[in-house]
Amino acid sequence: MKRTILLSAGILFLFLINAFSQDKQEPSFYRNQVGIQFNPIINDRLTNISGTGFFDVISAARYGYRITKNVTAGAEFSCGFPIDIKSRPTFHYYNYFTFNTVLFARYSFLPEKRIQIFAEASPFYSHYWREMTSSTDPTPFTKQKIRYYFAPGFSLFSKSKRVSLDLYYKLSTQIFTSGLKGEFTYKVCYNF
């Protein structure tokens, strides 16, 4: 009986040593990712001779959690607005603001490589606000809608894999600032 108790206590002790190990094990990949984007859109409103002299800006901040080496999920907040480079008093004619609240999922191919191909998909909530200037009604125009996007692209990682640059083409149900339903975009990310 004593031998059975000692043997059981010894086996339990061996399991507890592994359960409460003090050795720190580094993960084989970084799980958290924070990304930023500041993307000025240079279009004909800025560049042509009769252009209005402003350009549109898309900016975003995102957080992603890598569930496995291949799968990342997260949230993003993005917004779009114009910047007037001529500082005119009539700029209110172009005054608008849009923001998107995004939940995304990404599947990365070749997760061990420094260049990774990925596919990203997302539903998002979009809110658009614009001053009405061609109407006698001073109430601003607003529109809220649930939209979707799909984005194939690739990530370029630094040697330590701490910093990455995501380059991708976003195809959406939303019309972007460029007037199209697809556009090239990028994000710079820090992985930890």
C-alpha atoms as a PDB file:
ATOM      1  CA  MET A   1       0.000   0.000   0.000  1.00  0.00           C
ATOM      2  CA  LYS A   2       2.844   2.414   0.864  1.00  0.00           C
ATOM      3  CA  ARG A   3       4.520   1.609  -2.418  1.00  0.00           C
ATOM      4  CA  THR A   4       1.325   2.465  -4.395  1.00  0.00           C
ATOM      5  CA  ILE A   5       0.940   5.771  -2.546  1.00  0.00           C
ATOM      6  CA  LEU A   6       4.609   6.677  -3.107  1.00  0.00           C
ATOM      7  CA  LEU A   7       4.395   5.715  -6.774  1.00  0.00           C
ATOM      8  CA  SER A   8       1.179   7.749  -7.233  1.00  0.00           C
ATOM      9  CA  ALA A   9       2.714  10.742  -5.426  1.00  0.00           C
ATOM     10  CA  GLY A  10       5.849  10.484  -7.601  1.00  0.00           C
ATOM     11  CA  ILE A  11       3.847  10.421 -10.832  1.00  0.00           C
ATOM     12  CA  LEU A  12       1.698  13.348  -9.639  1.00  0.00           C
ATOM     13  CA  PHE A  13       4.887  15.260  -8.736  1.00  0.00           C
ATOM     14  CA  LEU A  14       6.275  14.710 -12.255  1.00  0.00           C
ATOM     15  CA  PHE A  15       3.066  16.059 -13.832  1.00  0.00           C
ATOM     16  CA  LEU A  16       3.113  19.101 -11.547  1.00  0.00           C
ATOM     17  CA  ILE A  17       6.718  19.899 -12.472  1.00  0.00           C
ATOM     18  CA  ASN A  18       5.654  20.213 -16.123  1.00  0.00           C
ATOM     19  CA  ALA A  19       2.464  22.106 -15.253  1.00  0.00           C
ATOM     20  CA  PHE A  20       4.275  24.735 -13.162  1.00  0.00           C
ATOM     21  CA  SER A  21       7.485  24.946 -15.126  1.00  0.00           C
ATOM     22  CA  GLN A  22       9.540  28.114 -14.696  1.00  0.00           C
ATOM     23  CA  ASP A  23      11.165  27.879 -18.118  1.00  0.00           C
ATOM     24  CA  LYS A  24       9.996  30.567 -20.510  1.00  0.00           C
ATOM     25  CA  GLN A  25       9.179  29.197 -23.934  1.00  0.00           C
ATOM     26  CA  GLU A  26       9.249  31.644 -26.817  1.00  0.00           C
ATOM     27  CA  PRO A  27       6.420  31.188 -29.325  1.00  0.00           C
ATOM     28  CA  SER A  28       7.501  30.260 -32.812  1.00  0.00           C
ATOM     29  CA  PHE A  29       5.655  33.343 -34.145  1.00  0.00           C
ATOM     30  CA  TYR A  30       4.428  36.712 -32.861  1.00  0.00           C
ATOM     31  CA  ARG A  31       0.735  36.625 -31.991  1.00  0.00           C
ATOM     32  CA  ASN A  32      -0.130  40.352 -31.798  1.00  0.00           C
ATOM     33  CA  GLN A  33      -0.026  42.898 -34.580  1.00  0.00           C
ATOM     34  CA  VAL A  34      -0.665  46.651 -34.606  1.00  0.00           C
ATOM     35  CA  GLY A  35      -0.885  48.376 -37.973  1.00  0.00           C
ATOM     36  CA  ILE A  36      -1.261  51.933 -39.277  1.00  0.00           C
ATOM     37  CA  GLN A  37      -2.053  53.443 -42.647  1.00  0.00           C
ATOM     38  CA  PHE A  38      -1.931  57.013 -43.975  1.00  0.00           C
ATOM     39  CA  ASN A  39      -2.712  56.941 -47.667  1.00  0.00           C
ATOM     40  CA  PRO A  40      -3.131  60.232 -49.583  1.00  0.00           C
ATOM     41  CA  ILE A  41      -5.046  59.734 -52.832  1.00  0.00           C
ATOM     42  CA  ILE A  42      -3.537  61.843 -55.616  1.00  0.00           C
ATOM     43  CA  ASN A  43      -6.263  62.240 -58.221  1.00  0.00           C
ATOM     44  CA  ASP A  44      -7.426  64.719 -60.861  1.00  0.00           C
ATOM     45  CA  ARG A  45      -8.985  67.024 -58.264  1.00  0.00           C
ATOM     46  CA  LEU A  46      -5.441  67.922 -57.220  1.00  0.00           C
ATOM     47  CA  THR A  47      -3.405  67.566 -60.396  1.00  0.00           C
ATOM     48  CA  ASN A  48      -5.338  68.998 -63.334  1.00  0.00           C
ATOM     49  CA  ILE A  49      -5.261  72.713 -64.176  1.00  0.00           C
ATOM     50  CA  SER A  50      -8.891  73.303 -63.275  1.00  0.00           C
ATOM     51  CA  GLY A  51      -8.578  70.984 -60.266  1.00  0.00           C
ATOM     52  CA  THR A  52     -10.044  71.963 -56.947  1.00  0.00           C
ATOM     53  CA  GLY A  53      -6.669  71.773 -55.192  1.00  0.00           C
ATOM     54  CA  PHE A  54      -7.386  69.199 -52.544  1.00  0.00           C
ATOM     55  CA  PHE A  55      -6.630  65.564 -52.095  1.00  0.00           C
ATOM     56  CA  ASP A  56      -8.391  62.780 -50.280  1.00  0.00           C
ATOM     57  CA  VAL A  57      -6.788  60.906 -47.399  1.00  0.00           C
ATOM     58  CA  ILE A  58      -7.480  57.420 -46.107  1.00  0.00           C
ATOM     59  CA  SER A  59      -6.100  56.579 -42.666  1.00  0.00           C
ATOM     60  CA  ALA A  60      -6.514  53.482 -40.506  1.00  0.00           C
ATOM     61  CA  ALA A  61      -5.387  51.773 -37.317  1.00  0.00           C
ATOM     62  CA  ARG A  62      -5.774  48.044 -36.725  1.00  0.00           C
ATOM     63  CA  TYR A  63      -5.102  45.314 -34.199  1.00  0.00           C
ATOM     64  CA  GLY A  64      -4.753  41.690 -35.225  1.00  0.00           C
ATOM     65  CA  TYR A  65      -4.328  38.507 -33.211  1.00  0.00           C
ATOM     66  CA  ARG A  66      -2.650  35.568 -34.897  1.00  0.00           C
ATOM     67  CA  ILE A  67      -4.685  32.512 -33.876  1.00  0.00           C
ATOM     68  CA  THR A  68      -2.423  30.073 -35.702  1.00  0.00           C
ATOM     69  CA  LYS A  69       0.570  30.656 -37.954  1.00  0.00           C
ATOM     70  CA  ASN A  70      -1.817  30.986 -40.903  1.00  0.00           C
ATOM     71  CA  VAL A  71      -4.951  32.607 -39.452  1.00  0.00           C
ATOM     72  CA  THR A  72      -5.222  36.178 -38.124  1.00  0.00           C
ATOM     73  CA  ALA A  73      -8.377  37.924 -36.890  1.00  0.00           C
ATOM     74  CA  GLY A  74      -8.817  41.451 -35.643  1.00  0.00           C
ATOM     75  CA  ALA A  75     -10.462  44.857 -35.740  1.00  0.00           C
ATOM     76  CA  GLU A  76      -9.732  48.060 -37.607  1.00  0.00           C
ATOM     77  CA  PHE A  77     -10.929  51.656 -37.567  1.00  0.00           C
ATOM     78  CA  SER A  78     -10.479  53.625 -40.786  1.00  0.00           C
ATOM     79  CA  CYS A  79     -11.562  57.049 -41.946  1.00  0.00           C
ATOM     80  CA  GLY A  80     -11.452  59.193 -45.057  1.00  0.00           C
ATOM     81  CA  PHE A  81     -11.440  62.980 -45.359  1.00  0.00           C
ATOM     82  CA  PRO A  82     -10.221  65.742 -47.725  1.00  0.00           C
ATOM     83  CA  ILE A  83      -7.233  68.030 -47.163  1.00  0.00           C
ATOM     84  CA  ASP A  84      -7.394  71.451 -48.817  1.00  0.00           C
ATOM     85  CA  ILE A  85      -3.971  72.695 -49.880  1.00  0.00           C
ATOM     86  CA  LYS A  86      -5.267  76.095 -51.067  1.00  0.00           C
ATOM     87  CA  SER A  87      -7.001  77.066 -47.766  1.00  0.00           C
ATOM     88  CA  ARG A  88     -10.028  78.653 -49.408  1.00  0.00           C
ATOM     89  CA  PRO A  89     -13.147  79.902 -47.618  1.00  0.00           C
ATOM     90  CA  THR A  90     -15.297  77.862 -50.056  1.00  0.00           C
ATOM     91  CA  PHE A  91     -13.811  74.558 -48.894  1.00  0.00           C
ATOM     92  CA  HIS A  92     -17.095  73.624 -47.211  1.00  0.00           C
ATOM     93  CA  TYR A  93     -18.297  72.626 -50.695  1.00  0.00           C
ATOM     94  CA  TYR A  94     -16.029  69.578 -50.388  1.00  0.00           C
ATOM     95  CA  ASN A  95     -16.491  68.890 -46.693  1.00  0.00           C
ATOM     96  CA  TYR A  96     -17.118  65.204 -46.011  1.00  0.00           C
ATOM     97  CA  PHE A  97     -16.042  62.515 -43.595  1.00  0.00           C
ATOM     98  CA  THR A  98     -16.377  58.756 -43.690  1.00  0.00           C
ATOM     99  CA  PHE A  99     -15.428  56.153 -41.118  1.00  0.00           C
ATOM    100  CA  ASN A 100     -15.498  52.372 -41.105  1.00  0.00           C
ATOM    101  CA  THR A 101     -15.485  49.944 -38.205  1.00  0.00           C
ATOM    102  CA  VAL A 102     -14.041  46.666 -39.470  1.00  0.00           C
ATOM    103  CA  LEU A 103     -13.752  43.060 -38.269  1.00  0.00           C
ATOM    104  CA  PHE A 104     -11.356  41.105 -40.465  1.00  0.00           C
ATOM    105  CA  ALA A 105     -10.011  37.595 -40.955  1.00  0.00           C
ATOM    106  CA  ARG A 106      -6.834  36.772 -42.873  1.00  0.00           C
ATOM    107  CA  TYR A 107      -5.337  33.535 -44.126  1.00  0.00           C
ATOM    108  CA  SER A 108      -1.584  33.663 -44.835  1.00  0.00           C
ATOM    109  CA  PHE A 109       0.199  31.242 -47.129  1.00  0.00           C
ATOM    110  CA  LEU A 110       3.882  30.400 -46.461  1.00  0.00           C
ATOM    111  CA  PRO A 111       3.795  31.658 -42.830  1.00  0.00           C
ATOM    112  CA  GLU A 112       7.468  30.796 -42.197  1.00  0.00           C
ATOM    113  CA  LYS A 113       8.734  32.966 -45.074  1.00  0.00           C
ATOM    114  CA  ARG A 114       9.580  36.669 -45.036  1.00  0.00           C
ATOM    115  CA  ILE A 115       7.280  37.228 -48.031  1.00  0.00           C
ATOM    116  CA  GLN A 116       3.791  35.888 -47.328  1.00  0.00           C
ATOM    117  CA  ILE A 117       0.824  35.811 -49.673  1.00  0.00           C
ATOM    118  CA  PHE A 118      -2.533  36.338 -47.962  1.00  0.00           C
ATOM    119  CA  ALA A 119      -6.261  36.656 -48.538  1.00  0.00           C
ATOM    120  CA  GLU A 120      -8.301  38.877 -46.233  1.00  0.00           C
ATOM    121  CA  ALA A 121     -12.083  39.219 -45.942  1.00  0.00           C
ATOM    122  CA  SER A 122     -14.230  41.470 -43.828  1.00  0.00           C
ATOM    123  CA  PRO A 123     -17.707  42.742 -43.083  1.00  0.00           C
ATOM    124  CA  PHE A 124     -17.653  46.367 -41.918  1.00  0.00           C
ATOM    125  CA  TYR A 125     -19.936  49.172 -40.806  1.00  0.00           C
ATOM    126  CA  SER A 126     -19.583  52.320 -42.906  1.00  0.00           C
ATOM    127  CA  HIS A 127     -20.779  55.820 -41.954  1.00  0.00           C
ATOM    128  CA  TYR A 128     -20.641  58.689 -44.462  1.00  0.00           C
ATOM    129  CA  TRP A 129     -21.320  62.366 -43.709  1.00  0.00           C
ATOM    130  CA  ARG A 130     -21.254  65.276 -46.182  1.00  0.00           C
ATOM    131  CA  GLU A 131     -22.377  68.886 -46.095  1.00  0.00           C
ATOM    132  CA  MET A 132     -25.099  69.633 -48.611  1.00  0.00           C
ATOM    133  CA  THR A 133     -24.185  72.747 -50.576  1.00  0.00           C
ATOM    134  CA  SER A 134     -26.304  72.460 -53.710  1.00  0.00           C
ATOM    135  CA  SER A 135     -29.561  72.303 -51.782  1.00  0.00           C
ATOM    136  CA  THR A 136     -31.579  74.793 -49.754  1.00  0.00           C
ATOM    137  CA  ASP A 137     -31.822  72.182 -46.984  1.00  0.00           C
ATOM    138  CA  PRO A 138     -28.898  72.757 -44.555  1.00  0.00           C
ATOM    139  CA  THR A 139     -29.176  69.224 -43.124  1.00  0.00           C
ATOM    140  CA  PRO A 140     -26.027  67.221 -43.931  1.00  0.00           C
ATOM    141  CA  PHE A 141     -26.313  64.030 -45.968  1.00  0.00           C
ATOM    142  CA  THR A 142     -25.537  60.875 -43.974  1.00  0.00           C
ATOM    143  CA  LYS A 143     -25.505  57.230 -44.946  1.00  0.00           C
ATOM    144  CA  GLN A 144     -24.828  54.142 -42.823  1.00  0.00           C
ATOM    145  CA  LYS A 145     -24.452  50.703 -44.294  1.00  0.00           C
ATOM    146  CA  ILE A 146     -22.974  47.257 -43.659  1.00  0.00           C
ATOM    147  CA  ARG A 147     -20.492  46.483 -46.418  1.00  0.00           C
ATOM    148  CA  TYR A 148     -17.925  43.799 -47.311  1.00  0.00           C
ATOM    149  CA  TYR A 149     -14.474  43.551 -48.815  1.00  0.00           C
ATOM    150  CA  PHE A 150     -12.078  40.902 -50.045  1.00  0.00           C
ATOM    151  CA  ALA A 151      -8.373  41.683 -50.373  1.00  0.00           C
ATOM    152  CA  PRO A 152      -5.639  39.504 -51.869  1.00  0.00           C
ATOM    153  CA  GLY A 153      -2.102  40.706 -51.194  1.00  0.00           C
ATOM    154  CA  PHE A 154       1.288  39.983 -49.716  1.00  0.00           C
ATOM    155  CA  SER A 155       3.277  40.904 -46.611  1.00  0.00           C
ATOM    156  CA  LEU A 156       6.970  41.789 -46.564  1.00  0.00           C
ATOM    157  CA  PHE A 157       8.578  41.065 -43.175  1.00  0.00           C
ATOM    158  CA  SER A 158      11.808  42.404 -41.695  1.00  0.00           C
ATOM    159  CA  LYS A 159      14.525  39.908 -40.801  1.00  0.00           C
ATOM    160  CA  SER A 160      13.346  39.754 -37.167  1.00  0.00           C
ATOM    161  CA  LYS A 161       9.675  39.575 -38.317  1.00  0.00           C
ATOM    162  CA  ARG A 162       8.860  42.462 -35.950  1.00  0.00           C
ATOM    163  CA  VAL A 163       7.933  44.904 -38.726  1.00  0.00           C
ATOM    164  CA  SER A 164       5.891  44.099 -41.809  1.00  0.00           C
ATOM    165  CA  LEU A 165       4.470  45.939 -44.801  1.00  0.00           C
ATOM    166  CA  ASP A 166       1.134  44.690 -46.149  1.00  0.00           C
ATOM    167  CA  LEU A 167       0.442  45.509 -49.805  1.00  0.00           C
ATOM    168  CA  TYR A 168      -2.941  44.488 -51.152  1.00  0.00           C
ATOM    169  CA  TYR A 169      -5.786  45.223 -53.546  1.00  0.00           C
ATOM    170  CA  LYS A 170      -9.102  45.773 -51.793  1.00  0.00           C
ATOM    171  CA  LEU A 171     -12.302  44.796 -53.672  1.00  0.00           C
ATOM    172  CA  SER A 172     -15.385  46.127 -51.894  1.00  0.00           C
ATOM    173  CA  THR A 173     -19.110  46.767 -52.093  1.00  0.00           C
ATOM    174  CA  GLN A 174     -18.228  50.362 -51.112  1.00  0.00           C
ATOM    175  CA  ILE A 175     -17.183  52.956 -53.686  1.00  0.00           C
ATOM    176  CA  PHE A 176     -13.792  54.273 -52.583  1.00  0.00           C
ATOM    177  CA  THR A 177     -12.569  57.863 -52.678  1.00  0.00           C
ATOM    178  CA  SER A 178     -11.030  57.173 -56.084  1.00  0.00           C
ATOM    179  CA  GLY A 179     -14.554  56.509 -57.437  1.00  0.00           C
ATOM    180  CA  LEU A 180     -13.890  52.781 -57.936  1.00  0.00           C
ATOM    181  CA  LYS A 181     -14.889  49.657 -55.994  1.00  0.00           C
ATOM    182  CA  GLY A 182     -11.278  48.482 -55.835  1.00  0.00           C
ATOM    183  CA  GLU A 183      -8.009  50.143 -54.854  1.00  0.00           C
ATOM    184  CA  PHE A 184      -4.419  49.384 -53.923  1.00  0.00           C
ATOM    185  CA  THR A 185      -3.600  50.023 -50.294  1.00  0.00           C
ATOM    186  CA  TYR A 186      -0.942  49.283 -47.699  1.00  0.00           C
ATOM    187  CA  LYS A 187      -0.371  49.066 -43.961  1.00  0.00           C
ATOM    188  CA  VAL A 188       2.797  49.166 -41.878  1.00  0.00           C
ATOM    189  CA  CYS A 189       2.539  46.720 -38.959  1.00  0.00           C
ATOM    190  CA  TYR A 190       4.464  46.011 -35.767  1.00  0.00           C
ATOM    191  CA  ASN A 191       4.352  42.389 -34.563  1.00  0.00           C
ATOM    192  CA  PHE A 192       4.875  41.415 -30.924  1.00  0.00           C
END
